[in-house]
Every structure is written in structure tokens, then in C-alpha cells.
N, C-alpha and C. Protein backbone atom coordinates (compact mmCIF):
# COMPACT_ATOMS: atom_id res chain seq x y z
N MET A 1 -4.41 -18.53 -20.48
CA MET A 1 -3.94 -17.30 -21.08
C MET A 1 -2.49 -17.09 -20.66
N ARG A 2 -1.74 -16.39 -21.48
CA ARG A 2 -0.33 -16.15 -21.19
C ARG A 2 -0.19 -14.97 -20.24
N ILE A 3 1.02 -14.78 -19.74
CA ILE A 3 1.27 -13.82 -18.68
C ILE A 3 0.91 -12.39 -19.09
N GLY A 4 1.20 -12.01 -20.32
CA GLY A 4 0.88 -10.65 -20.77
C GLY A 4 -0.62 -10.39 -20.75
N GLU A 5 -1.39 -11.36 -21.20
CA GLU A 5 -2.84 -11.21 -21.21
C GLU A 5 -3.39 -11.17 -19.78
N ALA A 6 -2.86 -12.03 -18.92
CA ALA A 6 -3.29 -12.03 -17.52
C ALA A 6 -2.97 -10.69 -16.87
N ALA A 7 -1.81 -10.14 -17.16
CA ALA A 7 -1.42 -8.84 -16.61
C ALA A 7 -2.37 -7.75 -17.07
N ARG A 8 -2.68 -7.74 -18.36
CA ARG A 8 -3.62 -6.72 -18.88
C ARG A 8 -4.99 -6.86 -18.23
N GLU A 9 -5.48 -8.08 -18.14
CA GLU A 9 -6.82 -8.32 -17.56
C GLU A 9 -6.88 -7.86 -16.11
N ALA A 10 -5.79 -8.07 -15.37
CA ALA A 10 -5.77 -7.73 -13.95
C ALA A 10 -5.35 -6.29 -13.69
N GLY A 11 -4.83 -5.62 -14.70
CA GLY A 11 -4.38 -4.24 -14.52
C GLY A 11 -3.06 -4.14 -13.77
N VAL A 12 -2.20 -5.13 -13.95
CA VAL A 12 -0.87 -5.12 -13.32
C VAL A 12 0.17 -5.34 -14.41
N ASN A 13 1.44 -5.23 -14.03
CA ASN A 13 2.46 -5.54 -15.03
C ASN A 13 2.99 -6.96 -14.83
N ILE A 14 3.69 -7.43 -15.80
CA ILE A 14 4.19 -8.81 -15.79
C ILE A 14 5.10 -9.05 -14.59
N GLN A 15 5.94 -8.07 -14.26
CA GLN A 15 6.85 -8.22 -13.13
C GLN A 15 6.08 -8.41 -11.82
N THR A 16 4.92 -7.76 -11.71
CA THR A 16 4.10 -7.92 -10.51
C THR A 16 3.64 -9.37 -10.38
N ILE A 17 3.20 -9.96 -11.47
CA ILE A 17 2.76 -11.35 -11.43
C ILE A 17 3.91 -12.26 -11.02
N ARG A 18 5.05 -12.06 -11.61
CA ARG A 18 6.21 -12.89 -11.27
C ARG A 18 6.60 -12.72 -9.79
N PHE A 19 6.55 -11.48 -9.30
CA PHE A 19 6.86 -11.20 -7.90
C PHE A 19 5.86 -11.92 -6.99
N TYR A 20 4.57 -11.83 -7.31
CA TYR A 20 3.55 -12.51 -6.51
C TYR A 20 3.75 -14.02 -6.51
N GLU A 21 4.18 -14.56 -7.63
CA GLU A 21 4.46 -16.00 -7.68
C GLU A 21 5.62 -16.35 -6.75
N ARG A 22 6.70 -15.55 -6.80
CA ARG A 22 7.86 -15.81 -5.93
C ARG A 22 7.49 -15.71 -4.46
N ARG A 23 6.63 -14.75 -4.13
CA ARG A 23 6.21 -14.55 -2.73
C ARG A 23 5.15 -15.55 -2.27
N GLY A 24 4.58 -16.29 -3.20
CA GLY A 24 3.56 -17.27 -2.84
C GLY A 24 2.16 -16.68 -2.75
N VAL A 25 2.01 -15.44 -3.18
CA VAL A 25 0.70 -14.81 -3.18
C VAL A 25 -0.15 -15.38 -4.30
N LEU A 26 0.49 -15.74 -5.38
CA LEU A 26 -0.17 -16.34 -6.53
C LEU A 26 0.52 -17.68 -6.78
N GLY A 27 -0.28 -18.71 -6.95
CA GLY A 27 0.29 -20.03 -7.20
C GLY A 27 1.02 -20.09 -8.52
N ARG A 28 1.89 -21.05 -8.65
CA ARG A 28 2.60 -21.25 -9.90
C ARG A 28 1.62 -21.80 -10.94
N PRO A 29 1.54 -21.14 -12.08
CA PRO A 29 0.61 -21.62 -13.12
C PRO A 29 1.18 -22.86 -13.81
N ARG A 30 0.31 -23.57 -14.45
CA ARG A 30 0.79 -24.73 -15.21
C ARG A 30 1.56 -24.20 -16.41
N ARG A 31 2.43 -25.02 -16.94
CA ARG A 31 3.25 -24.64 -18.10
C ARG A 31 2.74 -25.37 -19.33
N LEU A 32 2.70 -24.65 -20.41
CA LEU A 32 2.35 -25.26 -21.69
C LEU A 32 3.56 -26.03 -22.21
N ALA A 33 3.34 -26.86 -23.21
CA ALA A 33 4.44 -27.61 -23.81
C ALA A 33 5.54 -26.68 -24.31
N SER A 34 5.14 -25.47 -24.70
CA SER A 34 6.11 -24.48 -25.19
C SER A 34 6.93 -23.87 -24.06
N GLY A 35 6.52 -24.12 -22.81
CA GLY A 35 7.21 -23.55 -21.67
C GLY A 35 6.57 -22.29 -21.14
N TYR A 36 5.61 -21.75 -21.88
CA TYR A 36 4.92 -20.54 -21.43
C TYR A 36 4.02 -20.85 -20.24
N ARG A 37 3.89 -19.87 -19.37
CA ARG A 37 2.94 -20.00 -18.25
C ARG A 37 1.53 -19.91 -18.81
N ASP A 38 0.63 -20.67 -18.22
CA ASP A 38 -0.77 -20.67 -18.64
C ASP A 38 -1.63 -20.29 -17.43
N TYR A 39 -2.18 -19.07 -17.46
CA TYR A 39 -2.96 -18.56 -16.34
C TYR A 39 -4.45 -18.80 -16.57
N ALA A 40 -5.13 -19.15 -15.50
CA ALA A 40 -6.57 -19.36 -15.55
C ALA A 40 -7.27 -18.07 -15.15
N LEU A 41 -8.56 -18.00 -15.44
CA LEU A 41 -9.37 -16.84 -15.05
C LEU A 41 -9.32 -16.65 -13.54
N GLU A 42 -9.25 -17.73 -12.79
CA GLU A 42 -9.16 -17.64 -11.33
C GLU A 42 -7.88 -16.91 -10.89
N ASP A 43 -6.80 -17.10 -11.63
CA ASP A 43 -5.56 -16.38 -11.33
C ASP A 43 -5.74 -14.88 -11.50
N VAL A 44 -6.44 -14.50 -12.56
CA VAL A 44 -6.70 -13.08 -12.81
C VAL A 44 -7.58 -12.52 -11.69
N ARG A 45 -8.59 -13.27 -11.29
CA ARG A 45 -9.44 -12.83 -10.17
C ARG A 45 -8.62 -12.65 -8.90
N ARG A 46 -7.69 -13.57 -8.66
CA ARG A 46 -6.82 -13.48 -7.48
C ARG A 46 -5.97 -12.22 -7.55
N LEU A 47 -5.40 -11.94 -8.71
CA LEU A 47 -4.59 -10.73 -8.88
C LEU A 47 -5.41 -9.47 -8.60
N ILE A 48 -6.60 -9.42 -9.13
CA ILE A 48 -7.47 -8.27 -8.91
C ILE A 48 -7.80 -8.13 -7.43
N GLY A 49 -8.06 -9.25 -6.77
CA GLY A 49 -8.35 -9.23 -5.33
C GLY A 49 -7.17 -8.76 -4.51
N VAL A 50 -5.97 -9.18 -4.87
CA VAL A 50 -4.76 -8.75 -4.16
C VAL A 50 -4.58 -7.24 -4.31
N LYS A 51 -4.75 -6.73 -5.53
CA LYS A 51 -4.61 -5.29 -5.73
C LYS A 51 -5.67 -4.52 -4.95
N ARG A 52 -6.89 -5.04 -4.89
CA ARG A 52 -7.96 -4.40 -4.12
C ARG A 52 -7.59 -4.36 -2.63
N ALA A 53 -7.08 -5.48 -2.12
CA ALA A 53 -6.68 -5.53 -0.71
C ALA A 53 -5.53 -4.55 -0.43
N GLN A 54 -4.61 -4.42 -1.36
CA GLN A 54 -3.52 -3.46 -1.18
C GLN A 54 -4.05 -2.03 -1.13
N LYS A 55 -5.03 -1.73 -1.97
CA LYS A 55 -5.63 -0.39 -1.93
C LYS A 55 -6.31 -0.11 -0.60
N LEU A 56 -6.76 -1.17 0.07
CA LEU A 56 -7.37 -1.02 1.39
C LEU A 56 -6.32 -0.93 2.49
N GLY A 57 -5.05 -1.03 2.11
CA GLY A 57 -3.98 -0.85 3.08
C GLY A 57 -3.37 -2.14 3.60
N PHE A 58 -3.77 -3.29 3.08
CA PHE A 58 -3.21 -4.54 3.54
C PHE A 58 -1.85 -4.78 2.89
N THR A 59 -0.91 -5.28 3.67
CA THR A 59 0.40 -5.65 3.15
C THR A 59 0.28 -7.02 2.49
N LEU A 60 1.30 -7.40 1.74
CA LEU A 60 1.27 -8.73 1.11
C LEU A 60 1.22 -9.83 2.17
N ALA A 61 1.93 -9.66 3.28
CA ALA A 61 1.88 -10.66 4.36
C ALA A 61 0.46 -10.79 4.92
N GLU A 62 -0.20 -9.65 5.10
CA GLU A 62 -1.58 -9.69 5.60
C GLU A 62 -2.51 -10.32 4.58
N ILE A 63 -2.28 -10.04 3.32
CA ILE A 63 -3.10 -10.63 2.26
C ILE A 63 -2.92 -12.14 2.24
N GLN A 64 -1.68 -12.59 2.42
CA GLN A 64 -1.45 -14.03 2.46
C GLN A 64 -2.17 -14.66 3.65
N GLU A 65 -2.20 -13.97 4.77
CA GLU A 65 -2.95 -14.48 5.92
C GLU A 65 -4.44 -14.58 5.59
N LEU A 66 -4.97 -13.56 4.95
CA LEU A 66 -6.37 -13.60 4.55
C LEU A 66 -6.63 -14.74 3.58
N MET A 67 -5.68 -14.99 2.70
CA MET A 67 -5.84 -16.08 1.74
C MET A 67 -5.86 -17.44 2.46
N ARG A 68 -5.06 -17.58 3.51
CA ARG A 68 -5.08 -18.82 4.29
C ARG A 68 -6.43 -19.01 4.96
N LEU A 69 -7.07 -17.90 5.29
CA LEU A 69 -8.38 -17.98 5.95
C LEU A 69 -9.48 -18.42 4.99
N GLU A 70 -9.19 -18.40 3.71
CA GLU A 70 -10.17 -18.87 2.72
C GLU A 70 -10.29 -20.39 2.74
N GLN A 71 -9.31 -21.04 3.35
CA GLN A 71 -9.31 -22.49 3.36
C GLN A 71 -10.46 -23.01 4.24
N PRO A 72 -11.01 -24.16 3.90
CA PRO A 72 -12.09 -24.74 4.70
C PRO A 72 -11.65 -24.91 6.16
N GLY A 73 -12.57 -24.67 7.05
CA GLY A 73 -12.29 -24.82 8.48
C GLY A 73 -11.85 -23.54 9.16
N GLN A 74 -11.60 -22.51 8.41
CA GLN A 74 -11.21 -21.24 9.01
C GLN A 74 -12.47 -20.48 9.42
N HIS A 75 -12.37 -19.71 10.44
CA HIS A 75 -13.56 -19.06 11.00
C HIS A 75 -13.69 -17.61 10.55
N LEU A 76 -14.91 -17.23 10.29
CA LEU A 76 -15.21 -15.86 9.90
C LEU A 76 -14.78 -14.88 11.00
N GLU A 77 -14.83 -15.32 12.25
CA GLU A 77 -14.42 -14.44 13.35
C GLU A 77 -12.97 -14.01 13.21
N HIS A 78 -12.14 -14.91 12.70
CA HIS A 78 -10.73 -14.57 12.53
C HIS A 78 -10.56 -13.51 11.43
N VAL A 79 -11.32 -13.65 10.36
CA VAL A 79 -11.30 -12.65 9.29
C VAL A 79 -11.74 -11.30 9.85
N GLN A 80 -12.77 -11.31 10.66
CA GLN A 80 -13.25 -10.06 11.27
C GLN A 80 -12.19 -9.46 12.19
N ALA A 81 -11.47 -10.30 12.92
CA ALA A 81 -10.42 -9.80 13.81
C ALA A 81 -9.30 -9.15 13.00
N VAL A 82 -8.94 -9.75 11.88
CA VAL A 82 -7.90 -9.17 11.02
C VAL A 82 -8.36 -7.80 10.51
N ALA A 83 -9.61 -7.71 10.11
CA ALA A 83 -10.15 -6.43 9.62
C ALA A 83 -10.18 -5.39 10.74
N GLN A 84 -10.50 -5.80 11.95
CA GLN A 84 -10.51 -4.85 13.08
C GLN A 84 -9.11 -4.31 13.35
N VAL A 85 -8.12 -5.17 13.28
CA VAL A 85 -6.73 -4.72 13.47
C VAL A 85 -6.37 -3.70 12.39
N LYS A 86 -6.78 -3.96 11.16
CA LYS A 86 -6.49 -3.04 10.06
C LYS A 86 -7.19 -1.70 10.29
N ILE A 87 -8.41 -1.73 10.80
CA ILE A 87 -9.12 -0.48 11.10
C ILE A 87 -8.36 0.32 12.16
N ARG A 88 -7.84 -0.36 13.18
CA ARG A 88 -7.06 0.35 14.20
C ARG A 88 -5.79 0.95 13.58
N ASP A 89 -5.16 0.20 12.68
CA ASP A 89 -3.97 0.73 12.00
C ASP A 89 -4.32 1.98 11.19
N VAL A 90 -5.42 1.92 10.48
CA VAL A 90 -5.86 3.06 9.67
C VAL A 90 -6.15 4.27 10.56
N ASP A 91 -6.84 4.03 11.68
CA ASP A 91 -7.13 5.13 12.61
C ASP A 91 -5.85 5.77 13.12
N GLU A 92 -4.84 4.95 13.42
CA GLU A 92 -3.56 5.49 13.89
C GLU A 92 -2.88 6.30 12.80
N LYS A 93 -2.94 5.84 11.56
CA LYS A 93 -2.36 6.58 10.46
C LYS A 93 -3.08 7.91 10.26
N ILE A 94 -4.39 7.91 10.42
CA ILE A 94 -5.16 9.15 10.30
C ILE A 94 -4.71 10.14 11.38
N ARG A 95 -4.56 9.66 12.62
CA ARG A 95 -4.10 10.55 13.70
C ARG A 95 -2.71 11.10 13.38
N SER A 96 -1.84 10.24 12.88
CA SER A 96 -0.49 10.67 12.54
C SER A 96 -0.51 11.70 11.41
N LEU A 97 -1.30 11.45 10.39
CA LEU A 97 -1.38 12.40 9.27
C LEU A 97 -1.97 13.73 9.71
N LYS A 98 -2.93 13.71 10.62
CA LYS A 98 -3.49 14.96 11.14
C LYS A 98 -2.43 15.75 11.89
N ALA A 99 -1.58 15.05 12.63
CA ALA A 99 -0.50 15.73 13.36
C ALA A 99 0.51 16.33 12.38
N ILE A 100 0.81 15.60 11.32
CA ILE A 100 1.72 16.12 10.30
C ILE A 100 1.12 17.35 9.65
N ARG A 101 -0.17 17.29 9.34
CA ARG A 101 -0.84 18.44 8.72
C ARG A 101 -0.78 19.66 9.64
N LYS A 102 -1.02 19.44 10.91
CA LYS A 102 -0.99 20.54 11.87
C LYS A 102 0.41 21.16 11.92
N SER A 103 1.43 20.33 11.89
CA SER A 103 2.81 20.83 11.90
C SER A 103 3.11 21.62 10.64
N LEU A 104 2.63 21.12 9.50
CA LEU A 104 2.87 21.84 8.25
C LEU A 104 2.14 23.18 8.22
N GLU A 105 0.94 23.21 8.76
CA GLU A 105 0.21 24.49 8.83
C GLU A 105 0.96 25.48 9.72
N ARG A 106 1.51 24.99 10.84
CA ARG A 106 2.28 25.85 11.74
C ARG A 106 3.54 26.33 11.01
N LEU A 107 4.17 25.45 10.24
CA LEU A 107 5.35 25.81 9.46
C LEU A 107 5.04 26.92 8.48
N LEU A 108 3.91 26.81 7.80
CA LEU A 108 3.52 27.86 6.85
C LEU A 108 3.30 29.19 7.55
N ARG A 109 2.64 29.16 8.71
CA ARG A 109 2.44 30.41 9.46
C ARG A 109 3.77 31.00 9.89
N ASP A 110 4.67 30.12 10.40
CA ASP A 110 5.98 30.60 10.85
C ASP A 110 6.81 31.13 9.69
N ALA A 111 6.72 30.48 8.54
CA ALA A 111 7.47 30.92 7.37
C ALA A 111 6.96 32.28 6.90
N ALA A 112 5.66 32.49 6.95
CA ALA A 112 5.10 33.79 6.56
C ALA A 112 5.59 34.88 7.50
N ARG A 113 5.62 34.58 8.80
CA ARG A 113 6.14 35.54 9.77
C ARG A 113 7.61 35.82 9.54
N GLU A 114 8.37 34.76 9.26
CA GLU A 114 9.80 34.89 9.02
C GLU A 114 10.07 35.74 7.78
N ARG A 115 9.25 35.59 6.77
CA ARG A 115 9.41 36.38 5.55
C ARG A 115 9.25 37.86 5.87
N LEU A 116 8.29 38.18 6.73
CA LEU A 116 8.12 39.57 7.12
C LEU A 116 9.34 40.08 7.86
N LEU A 117 9.91 39.24 8.73
CA LEU A 117 11.10 39.65 9.48
C LEU A 117 12.30 39.81 8.55
N GLN A 118 12.41 38.93 7.56
CA GLN A 118 13.55 39.00 6.64
C GLN A 118 13.52 40.28 5.80
N LYS A 119 12.35 40.82 5.58
CA LYS A 119 12.27 42.07 4.83
C LYS A 119 12.92 43.20 5.60
N THR A 120 12.88 43.08 6.94
CA THR A 120 13.45 44.14 7.75
C THR A 120 14.92 43.89 8.07
N LYS A 121 15.36 42.61 8.10
CA LYS A 121 16.79 42.31 8.34
C LYS A 121 17.25 41.28 7.32
N LYS A 122 18.35 41.54 6.69
CA LYS A 122 18.86 40.66 5.64
C LYS A 122 19.82 39.64 6.24
N GLY A 123 19.95 38.51 5.51
CA GLY A 123 20.98 37.54 5.87
C GLY A 123 20.49 36.34 6.65
N SER A 124 19.24 36.20 6.97
CA SER A 124 18.75 35.02 7.67
C SER A 124 18.83 33.82 6.74
N LYS A 125 19.52 32.74 7.18
CA LYS A 125 19.75 31.62 6.28
C LYS A 125 19.23 30.30 6.85
N HIS A 126 18.34 30.30 7.77
CA HIS A 126 17.85 29.03 8.30
C HIS A 126 16.60 28.59 7.55
N CYS A 127 16.38 27.30 7.56
CA CYS A 127 15.21 26.72 6.90
C CYS A 127 14.22 26.26 7.97
N PRO A 128 13.01 26.79 7.97
CA PRO A 128 12.05 26.42 9.02
C PRO A 128 11.68 24.93 9.00
N VAL A 129 11.82 24.26 7.88
CA VAL A 129 11.50 22.83 7.83
C VAL A 129 12.51 22.03 8.64
N LEU A 130 13.77 22.46 8.63
CA LEU A 130 14.82 21.72 9.30
C LEU A 130 14.99 22.10 10.76
N GLU A 131 14.33 23.15 11.19
CA GLU A 131 14.41 23.56 12.59
C GLU A 131 13.45 22.74 13.43
N GLU A 132 13.85 22.45 14.64
CA GLU A 132 12.95 21.79 15.57
C GLU A 132 11.95 22.82 16.05
N ASN A 133 10.66 22.51 15.87
CA ASN A 133 9.63 23.44 16.24
C ASN A 133 8.46 22.65 16.83
N PRO A 134 8.32 22.65 18.13
CA PRO A 134 7.27 21.82 18.75
C PRO A 134 5.88 22.23 18.36
């Protein structure tokens, strides 16, 4: 199948396929006599798998590592170790996002208080987002 059809089947755009080829995430397809790329169903499956892994938070470099682990002789334990590292990364991101949320909630409370103060005194021109507030 040609690149446009492969892109539609995988739910990506043509530029994504070309980028993945340049990065080595997707192998170079064979070329037809006309010069067009000819993608196999396996290529489409690979594209769908890469997009799924990205939704799980894996970077392209990590996906390439996982793809190397598909080769014969690689151990399932290594795949599990990669997944454990990703879980730790996700947990750290969750902690960070919770801290950001807490700061934003404090900002909203402070902004509401500031609004009350501004009603009594005019001319306050500071932005609570830009102020350092522990």
C-alpha cells in the first residue's frame, strides 16, 4: 500500500511516517518501479504500536529500545525492567502535577483575597502568577 493509505490505516499523517523512517523507528519500505513507497500490513501494525507506546508515555528512543528487545535472544526481564522504569517516571510526574495543582489552588485563593483587598485600595498592579509564593 502507498504512504497515504498506510497513514490513514494507522491514524497518523504522512509526515509522521517519513519522520519515523528517518529516525529508524520504521524500516525503509520497498520501492515500486514507479518510485512510490510500498508499505506492508506489518508496517501499519508497527505504526499503530508506536503510537500506542507514545500514549503510554514512552519516548521514541525508549520505543526503539523496546523494538530491539523484540529480537530473538532478548529477555523478558529486560522488557519488564524498562516498564518498571517508566512506571517510576509516571509516578514522579504524578507527584509533580499534584504539586503544581496545589500551587494553582493556592494561587486562586490568594487571587480571591487580593481581589477583596483591591476593592478597598486602588492601584495594585502585581500579578500573583509571577510572584514567588512558596
